[in-house]
Amino acid sequence: MDNHALLVTPPETGAVGRMMQRLGRNYVVLFNGRHHCTGTLWEGRYRTFWWTAKHYVLRCCRYIELSRVRARIMHDPVA
């Protein structure tokens, strides 16, 4: 897939930034070791968006769930 989205509800201010920092420090090391790669996992800095409208959050959930189907990775988004 050429793009990825993550929908999170942080419990406090700054929690998403700390989570992404931990991912960058820990998961990337494991991923690079497993796949014999070096460097960063992502091309650029992550971006955050703050959504308060419930209908837009639902649209984002649908987009994330259906992205695997659109990429032809899966036939059924529920599976």
PDB file of N, CA and C in Angstrom:
ATOM      1  N   MET A   1       0.845  -1.178   0.000  1.00  0.00           N
ATOM      2  CA  MET A   1       0.000   0.000   0.000  1.00  0.00           C
ATOM      3  C   MET A   1       0.884   1.233   0.000  1.00  0.00           C
ATOM      4  N   ASP A   2       0.443   2.247  -0.692  1.00  0.00           N
ATOM      5  CA  ASP A   2       1.264   3.447  -0.798  1.00  0.00           C
ATOM      6  C   ASP A   2       0.931   4.506   0.239  1.00  0.00           C
ATOM      7  N   ASN A   3      -0.107   4.283   1.023  1.00  0.00           N
ATOM      8  CA  ASN A   3      -0.415   5.229   2.094  1.00  0.00           C
ATOM      9  C   ASN A   3      -0.979   4.464   3.287  1.00  0.00           C
ATOM     10  N   HIS A   4      -0.870   5.070   4.430  1.00  0.00           N
ATOM     11  CA  HIS A   4      -1.362   4.431   5.645  1.00  0.00           C
ATOM     12  C   HIS A   4      -2.025   5.489   6.510  1.00  0.00           C
ATOM     13  N   ALA A   5      -2.998   5.076   7.269  1.00  0.00           N
ATOM     14  CA  ALA A   5      -3.681   5.970   8.189  1.00  0.00           C
ATOM     15  C   ALA A   5      -3.856   5.252   9.514  1.00  0.00           C
ATOM     16  N   LEU A   6      -3.778   6.000  10.566  1.00  0.00           N
ATOM     17  CA  LEU A   6      -3.944   5.472  11.913  1.00  0.00           C
ATOM     18  C   LEU A   6      -4.922   6.383  12.631  1.00  0.00           C
ATOM     19  N   LEU A   7      -5.956   5.834  13.169  1.00  0.00           N
ATOM     20  CA  LEU A   7      -6.958   6.614  13.886  1.00  0.00           C
ATOM     21  C   LEU A   7      -6.831   6.287  15.366  1.00  0.00           C
ATOM     22  N   VAL A   8      -6.464   7.269  16.166  1.00  0.00           N
ATOM     23  CA  VAL A   8      -6.277   7.054  17.604  1.00  0.00           C
ATOM     24  C   VAL A   8      -7.027   8.113  18.395  1.00  0.00           C
ATOM     25  N   THR A   9      -7.387   7.769  19.602  1.00  0.00           N
ATOM     26  CA  THR A   9      -7.982   8.710  20.543  1.00  0.00           C
ATOM     27  C   THR A   9      -7.032   8.805  21.725  1.00  0.00           C
ATOM     28  N   PRO A  10      -6.250   9.875  21.782  1.00  0.00           N
ATOM     29  CA  PRO A  10      -5.255   9.972  22.851  1.00  0.00           C
ATOM     30  C   PRO A  10      -5.896  10.243  24.207  1.00  0.00           C
ATOM     31  N   PRO A  11      -5.364   9.623  25.250  1.00  0.00           N
ATOM     32  CA  PRO A  11      -5.907   9.837  26.591  1.00  0.00           C
ATOM     33  C   PRO A  11      -5.502  11.180  27.190  1.00  0.00           C
ATOM     34  N   GLU A  12      -4.455  11.794  26.635  1.00  0.00           N
ATOM     35  CA  GLU A  12      -3.972  13.078  27.162  1.00  0.00           C
ATOM     36  C   GLU A  12      -3.184  13.805  26.085  1.00  0.00           C
ATOM     37  N   THR A  13      -2.959  15.066  26.288  1.00  0.00           N
ATOM     38  CA  THR A  13      -2.195  15.878  25.347  1.00  0.00           C
ATOM     39  C   THR A  13      -0.769  15.352  25.245  1.00  0.00           C
ATOM     40  N   GLY A  14      -0.290  15.195  24.022  1.00  0.00           N
ATOM     41  CA  GLY A  14       1.074  14.737  23.796  1.00  0.00           C
ATOM     42  C   GLY A  14       1.234  13.235  23.686  1.00  0.00           C
ATOM     43  N   ALA A  15       0.156  12.495  23.927  1.00  0.00           N
ATOM     44  CA  ALA A  15       0.258  11.026  23.921  1.00  0.00           C
ATOM     45  C   ALA A  15       0.556  10.484  22.530  1.00  0.00           C
ATOM     46  N   VAL A  16      -0.012  11.081  21.490  1.00  0.00           N
ATOM     47  CA  VAL A  16       0.233  10.594  20.131  1.00  0.00           C
ATOM     48  C   VAL A  16       1.688  10.823  19.738  1.00  0.00           C
ATOM     49  N   GLY A  17       2.216  11.971  20.077  1.00  0.00           N
ATOM     50  CA  GLY A  17       3.619  12.253  19.783  1.00  0.00           C
ATOM     51  C   GLY A  17       4.563  11.279  20.466  1.00  0.00           C
ATOM     52  N   ARG A  18       4.279  10.960  21.723  1.00  0.00           N
ATOM     53  CA  ARG A  18       5.114   9.991  22.443  1.00  0.00           C
ATOM     54  C   ARG A  18       4.997   8.600  21.834  1.00  0.00           C
ATOM     55  N   MET A  19       3.778   8.236  21.418  1.00  0.00           N
ATOM     56  CA  MET A  19       3.583   6.928  20.793  1.00  0.00           C
ATOM     57  C   MET A  19       4.376   6.836  19.485  1.00  0.00           C
ATOM     58  N   MET A  20       4.316   7.870  18.666  1.00  0.00           N
ATOM     59  CA  MET A  20       5.038   7.860  17.397  1.00  0.00           C
ATOM     60  C   MET A  20       6.548   7.864  17.634  1.00  0.00           C
ATOM     61  N   GLN A  21       6.984   8.542  18.678  1.00  0.00           N
ATOM     62  CA  GLN A  21       8.411   8.548  19.011  1.00  0.00           C
ATOM     63  C   GLN A  21       8.864   7.143  19.418  1.00  0.00           C
ATOM     64  N   ARG A  22       8.058   6.447  20.218  1.00  0.00           N
ATOM     65  CA  ARG A  22       8.396   5.079  20.598  1.00  0.00           C
ATOM     66  C   ARG A  22       8.411   4.145  19.392  1.00  0.00           C
ATOM     67  N   LEU A  23       7.456   4.325  18.504  1.00  0.00           N
ATOM     68  CA  LEU A  23       7.448   3.525  17.275  1.00  0.00           C
ATOM     69  C   LEU A  23       8.727   3.753  16.489  1.00  0.00           C
ATOM     70  N   GLY A  24       9.108   5.013  16.357  1.00  0.00           N
ATOM     71  CA  GLY A  24      10.309   5.350  15.602  1.00  0.00           C
ATOM     72  C   GLY A  24      11.575   4.798  16.223  1.00  0.00           C
ATOM     73  N   ARG A  25      11.599   4.694  17.515  1.00  0.00           N
ATOM     74  CA  ARG A  25      12.807   4.203  18.192  1.00  0.00           C
ATOM     75  C   ARG A  25      12.846   2.683  18.319  1.00  0.00           C
ATOM     76  N   ASN A  26      11.704   2.069  18.588  1.00  0.00           N
ATOM     77  CA  ASN A  26      11.684   0.635  18.886  1.00  0.00           C
ATOM     78  C   ASN A  26      11.283  -0.232  17.703  1.00  0.00           C
ATOM     79  N   TYR A  27      10.137   0.035  17.115  1.00  0.00           N
ATOM     80  CA  TYR A  27       9.642  -0.824  16.045  1.00  0.00           C
ATOM     81  C   TYR A  27      10.542  -0.785  14.819  1.00  0.00           C
ATOM     82  N   VAL A  28      11.037   0.387  14.485  1.00  0.00           N
ATOM     83  CA  VAL A  28      11.880   0.501  13.293  1.00  0.00           C
ATOM     84  C   VAL A  28      13.155  -0.325  13.445  1.00  0.00           C
ATOM     85  N   VAL A  29      13.718  -0.373  14.625  1.00  0.00           N
ATOM     86  CA  VAL A  29      14.907  -1.186  14.874  1.00  0.00           C
ATOM     87  C   VAL A  29      14.590  -2.666  14.642  1.00  0.00           C
ATOM     88  N   LEU A  30      13.457  -3.107  15.163  1.00  0.00           N
ATOM     89  CA  LEU A  30      13.052  -4.507  14.965  1.00  0.00           C
ATOM     90  C   LEU A  30      12.761  -4.797  13.494  1.00  0.00           C
ATOM     91  N   PHE A  31      12.054  -3.902  12.831  1.00  0.00           N
ATOM     92  CA  PHE A  31      11.718  -4.080  11.418  1.00  0.00           C
ATOM     93  C   PHE A  31      12.980  -4.140  10.564  1.00  0.00           C
ATOM     94  N   ASN A  32      13.896  -3.193  10.778  1.00  0.00           N
ATOM     95  CA  ASN A  32      15.135  -3.175  10.006  1.00  0.00           C
ATOM     96  C   ASN A  32      15.970  -4.425  10.245  1.00  0.00           C
ATOM     97  N   GLY A  33      16.013  -4.903  11.485  1.00  0.00           N
ATOM     98  CA  GLY A  33      16.756  -6.122  11.774  1.00  0.00           C
ATOM     99  C   GLY A  33      16.160  -7.338  11.101  1.00  0.00           C
ATOM    100  N   ARG A  34      14.844  -7.406  11.101  1.00  0.00           N
ATOM    101  CA  ARG A  34      14.155  -8.546  10.492  1.00  0.00           C
ATOM    102  C   ARG A  34      14.296  -8.555   8.969  1.00  0.00           C
ATOM    103  N   HIS A  35      14.283  -7.371   8.371  1.00  0.00           N
ATOM    104  CA  HIS A  35      14.300  -7.276   6.905  1.00  0.00           C
ATOM    105  C   HIS A  35      15.660  -6.844   6.351  1.00  0.00           C
ATOM    106  N   HIS A  36      16.652  -6.802   7.202  1.00  0.00           N
ATOM    107  CA  HIS A  36      18.014  -6.429   6.806  1.00  0.00           C
ATOM    108  C   HIS A  36      18.044  -5.085   6.079  1.00  0.00           C
ATOM    109  N   CYS A  37      17.387  -4.093   6.686  1.00  0.00           N
ATOM    110  CA  CYS A  37      17.320  -2.737   6.123  1.00  0.00           C
ATOM    111  C   CYS A  37      17.990  -1.765   7.085  1.00  0.00           C
ATOM    112  N   THR A  38      18.187  -0.566   6.609  1.00  0.00           N
ATOM    113  CA  THR A  38      18.681   0.507   7.462  1.00  0.00           C
ATOM    114  C   THR A  38      17.850   1.750   7.199  1.00  0.00           C
ATOM    115  N   GLY A  39      17.921   2.689   8.094  1.00  0.00           N
ATOM    116  CA  GLY A  39      17.239   3.963   7.900  1.00  0.00           C
ATOM    117  C   GLY A  39      15.868   4.004   8.544  1.00  0.00           C
ATOM    118  N   THR A  40      15.134   5.044   8.179  1.00  0.00           N
ATOM    119  CA  THR A  40      13.813   5.243   8.755  1.00  0.00           C
ATOM    120  C   THR A  40      12.779   4.395   8.042  1.00  0.00           C
ATOM    121  N   LEU A  41      11.691   4.136   8.705  1.00  0.00           N
ATOM    122  CA  LEU A  41      10.618   3.344   8.123  1.00  0.00           C
ATOM    123  C   LEU A  41       9.697   4.217   7.287  1.00  0.00           C
ATOM    124  N   TRP A  42       9.532   5.452   7.690  1.00  0.00           N
ATOM    125  CA  TRP A  42       8.657   6.381   6.976  1.00  0.00           C
ATOM    126  C   TRP A  42       9.482   7.401   6.216  1.00  0.00           C
ATOM    127  N   GLU A  43       8.936   7.890   5.118  1.00  0.00           N
ATOM    128  CA  GLU A  43       9.648   8.873   4.301  1.00  0.00           C
ATOM    129  C   GLU A  43       9.770  10.221   4.989  1.00  0.00           C
ATOM    130  N   GLY A  44       8.728  10.640   5.644  1.00  0.00           N
ATOM    131  CA  GLY A  44       8.752  11.962   6.268  1.00  0.00           C
ATOM    132  C   GLY A  44       8.107  11.942   7.635  1.00  0.00           C
ATOM    133  N   ARG A  45       7.947  13.117   8.166  1.00  0.00           N
ATOM    134  CA  ARG A  45       7.341  13.276   9.483  1.00  0.00           C
ATOM    135  C   ARG A  45       5.853  12.937   9.401  1.00  0.00           C
ATOM    136  N   TYR A  46       5.334  12.349  10.464  1.00  0.00           N
ATOM    137  CA  TYR A  46       3.912  12.042  10.483  1.00  0.00           C
ATOM    138  C   TYR A  46       3.119  13.326  10.660  1.00  0.00           C
ATOM    139  N   ARG A  47       1.876  13.291  10.229  1.00  0.00           N
ATOM    140  CA  ARG A  47       0.995  14.449  10.367  1.00  0.00           C
ATOM    141  C   ARG A  47      -0.194  14.058  11.225  1.00  0.00           C
ATOM    142  N   THR A  48      -0.653  14.981  12.018  1.00  0.00           N
ATOM    143  CA  THR A  48      -1.830  14.730  12.839  1.00  0.00           C
ATOM    144  C   THR A  48      -2.940  15.691  12.436  1.00  0.00           C
ATOM    145  N   PHE A  49      -4.150  15.218  12.573  1.00  0.00           N
ATOM    146  CA  PHE A  49      -5.330  16.029  12.299  1.00  0.00           C
ATOM    147  C   PHE A  49      -6.297  15.823  13.451  1.00  0.00           C
ATOM    148  N   TRP A  50      -6.954  16.882  13.844  1.00  0.00           N
ATOM    149  CA  TRP A  50      -7.892  16.830  14.957  1.00  0.00           C
ATOM    150  C   TRP A  50      -9.304  16.930  14.387  1.00  0.00           C
ATOM    151  N   TRP A  51     -10.096  15.862  14.552  1.00  0.00           N
ATOM    152  CA  TRP A  51     -11.462  15.854  14.051  1.00  0.00           C
ATOM    153  C   TRP A  51     -12.432  15.811  15.210  1.00  0.00           C
ATOM    154  N   THR A  52     -13.417  16.672  15.174  1.00  0.00           N
ATOM    155  CA  THR A  52     -14.436  16.658  16.219  1.00  0.00           C
ATOM    156  C   THR A  52     -15.800  16.262  15.668  1.00  0.00           C
ATOM    157  N   ALA A  53     -16.026  16.426  14.371  1.00  0.00           N
ATOM    158  CA  ALA A  53     -17.317  16.072  13.784  1.00  0.00           C
ATOM    159  C   ALA A  53     -17.443  14.545  13.703  1.00  0.00           C
ATOM    160  N   LYS A  54     -18.472  14.017  14.314  1.00  0.00           N
ATOM    161  CA  LYS A  54     -18.645  12.569  14.369  1.00  0.00           C
ATOM    162  C   LYS A  54     -18.787  11.955  12.981  1.00  0.00           C
ATOM    163  N   HIS A  55     -19.469  12.635  12.074  1.00  0.00           N
ATOM    164  CA  HIS A  55     -19.655  12.073  10.735  1.00  0.00           C
ATOM    165  C   HIS A  55     -18.322  11.973   9.995  1.00  0.00           C
ATOM    166  N   TYR A  56     -17.392  12.888  10.255  1.00  0.00           N
ATOM    167  CA  TYR A  56     -16.104  12.821   9.577  1.00  0.00           C
ATOM    168  C   TYR A  56     -15.237  11.701  10.151  1.00  0.00           C
ATOM    169  N   VAL A  57     -15.310  11.483  11.441  1.00  0.00           N
ATOM    170  CA  VAL A  57     -14.579  10.373  12.061  1.00  0.00           C
ATOM    171  C   VAL A  57     -15.078   9.050  11.494  1.00  0.00           C
ATOM    172  N   LEU A  58     -16.384   8.928  11.305  1.00  0.00           N
ATOM    173  CA  LEU A  58     -16.945   7.720  10.715  1.00  0.00           C
ATOM    174  C   LEU A  58     -16.435   7.531   9.284  1.00  0.00           C
ATOM    175  N   ARG A  59     -16.342   8.614   8.513  1.00  0.00           N
ATOM    176  CA  ARG A  59     -15.794   8.525   7.152  1.00  0.00           C
ATOM    177  C   ARG A  59     -14.344   8.059   7.180  1.00  0.00           C
ATOM    178  N   CYS A  60     -13.569   8.516   8.149  1.00  0.00           N
ATOM    179  CA  CYS A  60     -12.169   8.097   8.271  1.00  0.00           C
ATOM    180  C   CYS A  60     -12.075   6.616   8.625  1.00  0.00           C
ATOM    181  N   CYS A  61     -12.946   6.159   9.515  1.00  0.00           N
ATOM    182  CA  CYS A  61     -12.965   4.732   9.861  1.00  0.00           C
ATOM    183  C   CYS A  61     -13.279   3.892   8.634  1.00  0.00           C
ATOM    184  N   ARG A  62     -14.244   4.324   7.857  1.00  0.00           N
ATOM    185  CA  ARG A  62     -14.589   3.591   6.633  1.00  0.00           C
ATOM    186  C   ARG A  62     -13.423   3.570   5.659  1.00  0.00           C
ATOM    187  N   TYR A  63     -12.756   4.715   5.510  1.00  0.00           N
ATOM    188  CA  TYR A  63     -11.613   4.789   4.602  1.00  0.00           C
ATOM    189  C   TYR A  63     -10.526   3.795   5.015  1.00  0.00           C
ATOM    190  N   ILE A  64     -10.221   3.765   6.298  1.00  0.00           N
ATOM    191  CA  ILE A  64      -9.178   2.866   6.796  1.00  0.00           C
ATOM    192  C   ILE A  64      -9.578   1.408   6.585  1.00  0.00           C
ATOM    193  N   GLU A  65     -10.816   1.068   6.920  1.00  0.00           N
ATOM    194  CA  GLU A  65     -11.273  -0.310   6.789  1.00  0.00           C
ATOM    195  C   GLU A  65     -11.326  -0.766   5.329  1.00  0.00           C
ATOM    196  N   LEU A  66     -11.708   0.116   4.431  1.00  0.00           N
ATOM    197  CA  LEU A  66     -11.853  -0.265   3.024  1.00  0.00           C
ATOM    198  C   LEU A  66     -10.568  -0.133   2.221  1.00  0.00           C
ATOM    199  N   SER A  67      -9.535   0.458   2.787  1.00  0.00           N
ATOM    200  CA  SER A  67      -8.294   0.647   2.027  1.00  0.00           C
ATOM    201  C   SER A  67      -7.662  -0.677   1.623  1.00  0.00           C
ATOM    202  N   ARG A  68      -7.774  -1.692   2.458  1.00  0.00           N
ATOM    203  CA  ARG A  68      -7.222  -3.014   2.111  1.00  0.00           C
ATOM    204  C   ARG A  68      -7.993  -3.647   0.960  1.00  0.00           C
ATOM    205  N   VAL A  69      -9.290  -3.388   0.904  1.00  0.00           N
ATOM    206  CA  VAL A  69     -10.104  -3.919  -0.190  1.00  0.00           C
ATOM    207  C   VAL A  69      -9.755  -3.196  -1.486  1.00  0.00           C
ATOM    208  N   ARG A  70      -9.641  -1.882  -1.425  1.00  0.00           N
ATOM    209  CA  ARG A  70      -9.296  -1.099  -2.620  1.00  0.00           C
ATOM    210  C   ARG A  70      -7.916  -1.454  -3.154  1.00  0.00           C
ATOM    211  N   ALA A  71      -6.989  -1.796  -2.269  1.00  0.00           N
ATOM    212  CA  ALA A  71      -5.639  -2.181  -2.680  1.00  0.00           C
ATOM    213  C   ALA A  71      -5.579  -3.642  -3.128  1.00  0.00           C
ATOM    214  N   ARG A  72      -6.719  -4.322  -3.066  1.00  0.00           N
ATOM    215  CA  ARG A  72      -6.838  -5.732  -3.462  1.00  0.00           C
ATOM    216  C   ARG A  72      -5.975  -6.664  -2.607  1.00  0.00           C
ATOM    217  N   ILE A  73      -5.772  -6.269  -1.354  1.00  0.00           N
ATOM    218  CA  ILE A  73      -5.074  -7.112  -0.396  1.00  0.00           C
ATOM    219  C   ILE A  73      -6.057  -8.108   0.207  1.00  0.00           C
ATOM    220  N   MET A  74      -7.309  -7.645   0.388  1.00  0.00           N
ATOM    221  CA  MET A  74      -8.359  -8.492   0.938  1.00  0.00           C
ATOM    222  C   MET A  74      -9.628  -8.309   0.105  1.00  0.00           C
ATOM    223  N   HIS A  75     -10.489  -9.313   0.151  1.00  0.00           N
ATOM    224  CA  HIS A  75     -11.779  -9.205  -0.542  1.00  0.00           C
ATOM    225  C   HIS A  75     -12.866  -8.682   0.367  1.00  0.00           C
ATOM    226  N   ASP A  76     -12.733  -8.939   1.657  1.00  0.00           N
ATOM    227  CA  ASP A  76     -13.769  -8.572   2.624  1.00  0.00           C
ATOM    228  C   ASP A  76     -13.130  -7.761   3.741  1.00  0.00           C
ATOM    229  N   PRO A  77     -13.591  -6.542   3.997  1.00  0.00           N
ATOM    230  CA  PRO A  77     -12.967  -5.726   5.043  1.00  0.00           C
ATOM    231  C   PRO A  77     -13.158  -6.267   6.443  1.00  0.00           C
ATOM    232  N   VAL A  78     -14.116  -7.162   6.650  1.00  0.00           N
ATOM    233  CA  VAL A  78     -14.380  -7.725   7.970  1.00  0.00           C
ATOM    234  C   VAL A  78     -13.382  -8.809   8.328  1.00  0.00           C
ATOM    235  N   ALA A  79     -12.857  -9.494   7.334  1.00  0.00           N
ATOM    236  CA  ALA A  79     -11.963 -10.637   7.572  1.00  0.00           C
ATOM    237  C   ALA A  79     -10.682 -10.242   8.242  1.00  0.00           C
TER     238      ALA A  79
END
